[in-house]
Structure formats: structure tokens, C-alpha cells
Amino acid sequence: MSESCCSPKSNRKNIKNNNASSDLFSENHNETKFEDLKGGWFFMGSEENYVFPGDGEGPVRKIYVDEFSISKYSVTIKEFKRFIDDTNYTTDAEKFGWSFVFYEQLKDNHKAESVQNAPWWIKVDKACWNLPDGENVGIEKYPNHPVTHISWRDAQEYCKWSNTRLPTEAEWEFAARGGLNQKKYPWGDELFLDGQIQCNIFEGEFPHKNNAPESMRFTTSVDEFNPNDFGLYNMVGNVWEWTEDWFTRFHDLDINVNPKGPEKGNNKVIRGGSFLCHDSYCNRYRTSSRTSNSIDSSTSNMGFRIVKN
């Protein structure tokens, strides 16, 4: 299973960040809503036969996390615009001049260079946080959708500005599970409840036939669907979410209190799956599922949520 089905790596040449917002801070972040979680012990990971061995979901291990506060929703386009307006920050996608977009989000005349072995990913000029498909202005059409085309580095700069941080992978999974023990999804083990799907994923025959309603074929509002028992929305589906941890398949089982992953690596962990996940190709829309991407990569299905310092 190629990671590119989930979120292709950009393989961009390094560009020095000349406008980092590290020293900038704004007090005006009152619209972001958080849930205070008490923390505690939980069983992290999965050893079920449907997991991808290369993802490193297992072994199941007993983990403790301290109390923390995590945003109820993924960061929205509207929230990210306040950061841009306050700092004049330029995202990686804007600096490089392109980002990856799912082909169904584009007009026919916009379909050009695609990703090898994952032709549904198109390299689109000008695609960025406010031009999700390279043409339509996101803040006008989708202000309450999760911001996308955000690299890990971009998310870090937003966190510096807002005096927040990305969740560790352990915090993210603790939050996603919502207090449920080893359940497949944030609401239980069944994808449908009372005949209704509970998250925004690909419905139909991936990648060519999506049977989801028109409003659910790409990103949807961050408050769509019911929250989990911790009051958190869209912990699976909609968009992948960056975490603080470097990715590894092999976990240090001697560290079971507030684990933070390896000290260095090549890619950062992303969690939760997205609107492109489908059981026939990528079932990573589960509480334990994980994959990774490089810190400068950006796509139309990757965003983030934040934790209070």
C-alpha cells in the first residue's frame, strides 16, 4: 500500500523560510474552541488483520497521557486567514507555487501532471490554503471547512502565532478514541449508525465514482457529523491531521508515559484519514490508523488541529 494514495509527498527542493512568524503573537484567538481532557491510561494502536504492516499501528500498548486541551475542530480556513492577515506569512505551497489536488476537484482543463502510481493526485499551480483547487477562493466559499494545503512547517508557524502546539501522536489517539476502549472508530466498531455514515470518506468505487452527496465529496464543514464522547468533531475522515511526532514503525515500549516518538526522522505522523479514504484501497479512517508525510508536503486533504500550551 503506497502512502501516496493518502497524501503524496511533494519532494520539493528546500526553500529557506524568510518570513517565519516565530516572534509574532496575537491574543485574538477567541473563536477557537477547546475541550479540556483529563488524560489517563488507554490502549494505543491496533493488531487487527486489516491494518497495514508498514504503518506501525501495533503492538497494542498501554499508554498514559497528562491532561491537555485540544481544539474541538480542525483549524478552519477562516481561522487560518486571521493568522495570515496578522503575520503576512507565506505558506510552503505559495512559496513553491503549487500543491497536490484530487483530480475530481478540478476542471478538465486543469488536469496536468499527476503522481506516478496515484494518478488521481494532480500537481496544480497556485493551489494553496485559500485556493484549494487553484482557482476558487476558499475564504469566500468554504470559511468553516478545514484549511488544507498546509505543510507541517506551516502548522508549526500557526502554533507559534497562536501560542498553541500540535498534539503528540499519543494525545491525538487518546482524544480520537473519546474514552472508548480499542474501538475501530471514535463512535464504536460500525461505520454506519442507524443507516447513516458517521464521517466524511469516499463512498463508491475509488477513485472514479463517489456516491456521496455533492456537499460531502471533498472537505465539509468542521462541525459536520456528531462529535465523539469527548466533544471532538471529525477525528476521522474529512482531512488528515498533522501531529508533532516523527514517524517510525517501531515503538519504544519502555516509554509508556507521554510518549513523543523518536527524536528525529524523515517524515511526520499524520492521523485520521480524509475524504479520500475508502475501504477498498485505504482504510486509514480509524482511531489507530497512521501514516506520514514530509514536513514541506501539502495536499488538498491535509490539515491540522491544535493543543493549548
Protein backbone atom coordinates (compact mmCIF):
# COMPACT_ATOMS: atom_id res chain seq x y z
CA MET A 1 0.00 0.00 0.00
CA SER A 2 1.54 3.24 -1.14
CA GLU A 3 1.36 6.26 1.12
CA SER A 4 0.68 8.37 -1.96
CA CYS A 5 -2.92 7.18 -2.06
CA CYS A 6 -3.42 9.12 1.17
CA SER A 7 -1.21 12.19 0.83
CA PRO A 8 1.59 12.32 -1.75
CA LYS A 9 4.99 13.64 -0.81
CA SER A 10 5.96 16.83 -2.57
CA ASN A 11 9.69 16.08 -2.99
CA ARG A 12 10.26 19.82 -3.14
CA LYS A 13 13.66 21.41 -3.15
CA ASN A 14 14.32 23.24 0.08
CA ILE A 15 13.42 26.91 0.20
CA LYS A 16 14.59 28.94 3.17
CA ASN A 17 11.70 30.35 5.17
CA ASN A 18 12.35 34.07 5.21
CA ASN A 19 9.06 35.11 6.77
CA ALA A 20 8.63 32.78 9.71
CA SER A 21 6.28 34.12 12.34
CA SER A 22 8.20 32.76 15.33
CA ASP A 23 8.32 36.15 17.07
CA LEU A 24 4.75 37.11 16.23
CA PHE A 25 1.87 36.52 18.60
CA SER A 26 -1.73 37.59 18.63
CA GLU A 27 -4.02 37.47 21.65
CA ASN A 28 -7.16 37.38 19.50
CA HIS A 29 -7.97 33.69 19.08
CA ASN A 30 -11.29 33.64 20.90
CA GLU A 31 -13.12 31.78 18.15
CA THR A 32 -11.11 28.58 18.62
CA LYS A 33 -12.96 26.23 20.95
CA PHE A 34 -11.16 23.65 23.05
CA GLU A 35 -12.11 20.60 25.08
CA ASP A 36 -10.23 20.01 28.33
CA LEU A 37 -9.27 16.35 28.61
CA LYS A 38 -8.22 14.86 31.93
CA GLY A 39 -5.80 12.41 30.35
CA GLY A 40 -5.14 8.96 31.77
CA TRP A 41 -4.28 5.45 30.64
CA PHE A 42 -5.55 3.96 27.38
CA PHE A 43 -4.65 1.19 24.95
CA MET A 44 -2.96 2.67 21.88
CA GLY A 45 -2.57 1.01 18.49
CA SER A 46 -4.13 -2.00 16.82
CA GLU A 47 -3.16 -5.54 15.87
CA GLU A 48 -6.23 -6.34 13.77
CA ASN A 49 -5.77 -8.11 10.44
CA TYR A 50 -6.96 -5.10 8.45
CA VAL A 51 -4.03 -2.85 9.42
CA PHE A 52 -1.15 -2.20 7.02
CA PRO A 53 2.06 -3.76 8.41
CA GLY A 54 4.18 -0.89 7.16
CA ASP A 55 2.15 1.65 9.12
CA GLY A 56 3.37 0.52 12.53
CA GLU A 57 -0.01 0.57 14.26
CA GLY A 58 0.99 -2.24 16.60
CA PRO A 59 1.67 -3.59 19.01
CA VAL A 60 -1.20 -2.52 21.22
CA ARG A 61 0.41 -0.82 24.21
CA LYS A 62 -0.85 0.74 27.43
CA ILE A 63 -0.09 4.48 27.35
CA TYR A 64 -0.60 7.34 29.78
CA VAL A 65 -1.05 10.98 28.75
CA ASP A 66 -1.28 14.02 31.01
CA GLU A 67 -4.28 16.33 30.89
CA PHE A 68 -4.40 18.63 27.87
CA SER A 69 -6.81 20.84 25.93
CA ILE A 70 -7.40 20.12 22.24
CA SER A 71 -9.43 22.06 19.70
CA LYS A 72 -12.92 20.75 19.05
CA TYR A 73 -12.43 21.14 15.31
CA SER A 74 -9.69 21.15 12.72
CA VAL A 75 -8.34 24.65 12.11
CA THR A 76 -10.63 26.32 9.57
CA ILE A 77 -9.87 28.47 6.54
CA LYS A 78 -11.40 31.40 8.42
CA GLU A 79 -9.10 30.88 11.41
CA PHE A 80 -6.05 30.45 9.22
CA LYS A 81 -6.86 33.68 7.39
CA ARG A 82 -6.61 35.60 10.68
CA PHE A 83 -3.11 34.19 11.07
CA ILE A 84 -2.18 35.21 7.52
CA ASP A 85 -3.65 38.70 7.95
CA ASP A 86 -1.81 39.18 11.23
CA THR A 87 1.60 37.91 10.09
CA ASN A 88 1.77 38.12 6.27
CA TYR A 89 3.10 34.56 6.41
CA THR A 90 3.60 32.73 3.11
CA THR A 91 2.86 29.01 3.17
CA ASP A 92 5.08 26.38 1.59
CA ALA A 93 2.52 25.81 -1.18
CA GLU A 94 2.59 29.52 -2.03
CA LYS A 95 6.38 29.67 -1.98
CA PHE A 96 6.75 26.63 -4.21
CA GLY A 97 3.88 27.78 -6.43
CA TRP A 98 1.89 24.54 -6.42
CA SER A 99 0.28 21.83 -4.33
CA PHE A 100 -1.41 18.45 -4.87
CA VAL A 101 -5.16 18.38 -5.57
CA PHE A 102 -7.50 15.40 -6.01
CA TYR A 103 -8.41 15.30 -9.69
CA GLU A 104 -12.20 15.39 -9.15
CA GLN A 105 -11.81 18.81 -7.53
CA LEU A 106 -10.53 20.24 -10.82
CA LYS A 107 -11.93 21.36 -14.12
CA ASP A 108 -10.87 19.27 -17.11
CA ASN A 109 -8.55 21.93 -18.47
CA HIS A 110 -6.69 21.99 -15.17
CA LYS A 111 -5.67 18.34 -15.12
CA ALA A 112 -1.98 18.11 -15.85
CA GLU A 113 0.98 16.45 -14.16
CA SER A 114 -0.06 13.59 -11.88
CA VAL A 115 1.64 11.36 -9.31
CA GLN A 116 3.09 8.08 -10.53
CA ASN A 117 1.05 5.10 -9.26
CA ALA A 118 -1.56 7.54 -7.90
CA PRO A 119 -2.85 9.44 -10.96
CA TRP A 120 -5.75 10.92 -9.01
CA TRP A 121 -3.26 13.35 -7.44
CA ILE A 122 -2.59 16.35 -9.67
CA LYS A 123 0.16 18.92 -9.26
CA VAL A 124 -1.77 22.19 -9.52
CA ASP A 125 -0.19 25.62 -9.92
CA LYS A 126 -1.37 28.23 -7.39
CA ALA A 127 -3.22 25.69 -5.23
CA CYS A 128 -2.83 26.78 -1.62
CA TRP A 129 -4.73 27.37 1.63
CA ASN A 130 -7.04 30.00 0.08
CA LEU A 131 -7.22 28.47 -3.41
CA PRO A 132 -7.95 24.83 -2.57
CA ASP A 133 -8.38 23.87 -6.22
CA GLY A 134 -6.09 26.56 -7.63
CA GLU A 135 -8.98 28.78 -8.73
CA ASN A 136 -11.84 29.24 -6.27
CA VAL A 137 -11.25 31.41 -3.21
CA GLY A 138 -11.69 29.25 -0.12
CA ILE A 139 -12.48 32.01 2.39
CA GLU A 140 -15.46 33.03 0.27
CA LYS A 141 -16.87 29.57 -0.44
CA TYR A 142 -15.72 27.40 2.47
CA PRO A 143 -14.81 29.56 5.52
CA ASN A 144 -15.76 26.84 8.01
CA HIS A 145 -14.09 23.98 6.14
CA PRO A 146 -10.74 22.75 7.42
CA VAL A 147 -7.81 24.63 5.98
CA THR A 148 -5.80 22.42 3.61
CA HIS A 149 -2.59 22.62 1.57
CA ILE A 150 -0.84 23.10 4.90
CA SER A 151 2.62 21.66 5.44
CA TRP A 152 3.88 20.60 8.86
CA ARG A 153 6.09 23.70 8.83
CA ASP A 154 3.05 25.90 8.14
CA ALA A 155 1.18 24.30 11.03
CA GLN A 156 4.14 24.98 13.30
CA GLU A 157 4.11 28.67 12.41
CA TYR A 158 0.40 28.90 13.12
CA CYS A 159 1.02 27.30 16.50
CA LYS A 160 3.77 29.80 17.34
CA TRP A 161 1.44 32.66 16.46
CA SER A 162 -1.48 31.27 18.50
CA ASN A 163 0.58 30.08 21.47
CA THR A 164 -0.51 26.51 20.86
CA ARG A 165 1.14 23.35 19.55
CA LEU A 166 0.36 20.26 17.56
CA PRO A 167 -0.79 17.23 19.54
CA THR A 168 1.60 14.38 20.10
CA GLU A 169 0.53 11.21 18.35
CA ALA A 170 -0.46 9.68 21.70
CA GLU A 171 -2.55 12.73 22.62
CA TRP A 172 -4.21 12.63 19.21
CA GLU A 173 -5.24 8.98 19.55
CA PHE A 174 -6.37 9.43 23.17
CA ALA A 175 -8.58 12.30 22.00
CA ALA A 176 -9.87 10.44 18.93
CA ARG A 177 -10.95 7.42 20.94
CA GLY A 178 -13.19 9.56 23.11
CA GLY A 179 -12.84 7.27 26.12
CA LEU A 180 -13.80 4.12 24.20
CA ASN A 181 -11.51 1.12 24.63
CA GLN A 182 -9.98 -0.28 21.42
CA LYS A 183 -12.93 0.62 19.22
CA LYS A 184 -12.35 0.94 15.50
CA TYR A 185 -13.91 4.39 15.17
CA PRO A 186 -14.48 7.30 17.57
CA TRP A 187 -18.12 6.20 17.97
CA GLY A 188 -17.70 2.39 18.04
CA ASP A 189 -16.96 -0.51 15.72
CA GLU A 190 -19.57 0.02 12.99
CA LEU A 191 -19.11 2.59 10.22
CA PHE A 192 -22.85 3.21 9.99
CA LEU A 193 -25.20 4.08 12.87
CA ASP A 194 -28.93 3.86 12.18
CA GLY A 195 -28.11 3.59 8.49
CA GLN A 196 -26.09 6.81 8.47
CA ILE A 197 -22.37 7.08 7.80
CA GLN A 198 -20.58 8.88 10.63
CA CYS A 199 -17.64 10.53 8.86
CA ASN A 200 -16.60 12.12 5.58
CA ILE A 201 -14.91 9.46 3.46
CA PHE A 202 -15.10 8.29 -0.16
CA GLU A 203 -18.36 6.43 -0.86
CA GLY A 204 -18.47 4.34 -4.02
CA GLU A 205 -15.73 2.97 -6.26
CA PHE A 206 -12.44 4.71 -5.59
CA PRO A 207 -11.24 6.86 -7.27
CA HIS A 208 -13.70 7.24 -10.14
CA LYS A 209 -17.21 7.02 -8.68
CA ASN A 210 -18.15 8.78 -5.47
CA ASN A 211 -21.74 8.21 -4.38
CA ALA A 212 -21.58 10.69 -1.52
CA PRO A 213 -23.82 13.76 -1.64
CA GLU A 214 -22.32 16.67 -3.57
CA SER A 215 -21.54 18.55 -0.35
CA MET A 216 -19.58 15.54 1.01
CA ARG A 217 -17.33 14.69 -1.93
CA PHE A 218 -14.42 16.76 -0.74
CA THR A 219 -13.94 18.62 2.55
CA THR A 220 -17.00 19.53 4.54
CA SER A 221 -17.67 21.86 7.46
CA VAL A 222 -15.62 21.08 10.56
CA ASP A 223 -18.78 20.69 12.66
CA GLU A 224 -20.37 18.16 10.31
CA PHE A 225 -21.37 14.80 11.85
CA ASN A 226 -21.69 14.07 15.55
CA PRO A 227 -18.77 14.62 17.95
CA ASN A 228 -17.22 11.78 19.91
CA ASP A 229 -17.78 11.42 23.65
CA PHE A 230 -15.06 13.99 24.32
CA GLY A 231 -16.93 16.57 22.21
CA LEU A 232 -14.45 16.44 19.32
CA TYR A 233 -15.55 16.60 15.69
CA ASN A 234 -14.21 14.77 12.63
CA MET A 235 -11.36 12.96 14.33
CA VAL A 236 -11.53 10.57 11.40
CA GLY A 237 -12.33 11.44 7.80
CA ASN A 238 -12.51 14.90 6.20
CA VAL A 239 -8.77 15.76 6.42
CA TRP A 240 -5.59 14.16 7.64
CA GLU A 241 -4.16 15.96 10.66
CA TRP A 242 -0.51 16.65 11.41
CA THR A 243 0.96 15.59 14.75
CA GLU A 244 4.17 16.58 16.49
CA ASP A 245 5.86 13.16 16.23
CA TRP A 246 8.42 11.89 13.78
CA PHE A 247 7.23 8.68 12.14
CA THR A 248 8.61 5.27 13.00
CA ARG A 249 7.25 1.76 12.54
CA PHE A 250 8.93 0.63 15.74
CA HIS A 251 7.81 1.98 19.11
CA ASP A 252 9.88 2.23 22.28
CA LEU A 253 7.83 0.03 24.58
CA ASP A 254 9.80 1.19 27.62
CA ILE A 255 8.28 4.67 27.31
CA ASN A 256 4.61 4.47 28.21
CA VAL A 257 4.05 7.89 29.81
CA ASN A 258 3.60 10.84 27.44
CA PRO A 259 5.50 9.23 24.54
CA LYS A 260 6.70 11.65 21.89
CA GLY A 261 8.16 9.35 19.26
CA PRO A 262 11.78 9.37 18.05
CA GLU A 263 13.99 12.44 18.37
CA LYS A 264 14.49 12.70 14.63
CA GLY A 265 13.23 11.22 11.38
CA ASN A 266 12.33 11.84 7.77
CA ASN A 267 8.56 12.29 7.97
CA LYS A 268 5.97 13.43 10.47
CA VAL A 269 2.97 11.35 11.54
CA ILE A 270 -0.44 12.28 10.16
CA ARG A 271 -3.64 10.88 11.61
CA GLY A 272 -7.35 10.42 10.96
CA GLY A 273 -7.72 9.75 7.25
CA SER A 274 -9.62 12.00 4.87
CA PHE A 275 -12.44 12.38 2.38
CA LEU A 276 -10.41 10.20 0.01
CA CYS A 277 -10.23 7.12 2.23
CA HIS A 278 -12.13 4.06 1.05
CA ASP A 279 -12.10 0.52 2.40
CA SER A 280 -11.23 -0.95 -0.99
CA TYR A 281 -7.96 0.97 -1.14
CA CYS A 282 -7.12 2.76 2.10
CA ASN A 283 -8.97 2.06 5.35
CA ARG A 284 -6.95 4.54 7.37
CA TYR A 285 -10.03 6.35 8.69
CA ARG A 286 -9.76 4.61 12.07
CA THR A 287 -8.70 5.77 15.53
CA SER A 288 -5.44 3.77 15.41
CA SER A 289 -4.53 4.25 11.75
CA ARG A 290 -1.49 6.30 10.87
CA THR A 291 0.79 7.25 8.01
CA SER A 292 3.30 10.03 7.39
CA ASN A 293 4.47 12.79 5.10
CA SER A 294 7.45 15.10 4.72
CA ILE A 295 7.41 18.40 6.58
CA ASP A 296 7.14 20.51 3.41
CA SER A 297 4.38 18.49 1.71
CA SER A 298 0.90 19.88 1.18
CA THR A 299 -2.27 18.43 -0.34
CA SER A 300 -5.98 19.15 -0.61
CA ASN A 301 -6.72 16.59 2.13
CA MET A 302 -4.22 17.54 4.88
CA GLY A 303 -4.91 19.97 7.72
CA PHE A 304 -4.38 20.11 11.47
CA ARG A 305 -5.85 20.79 14.89
CA ILE A 306 -4.14 22.34 17.90
CA VAL A 307 -3.44 21.82 21.58
CA LYS A 308 -3.15 24.59 24.18
CA ASN A 309 0.25 25.04 25.78
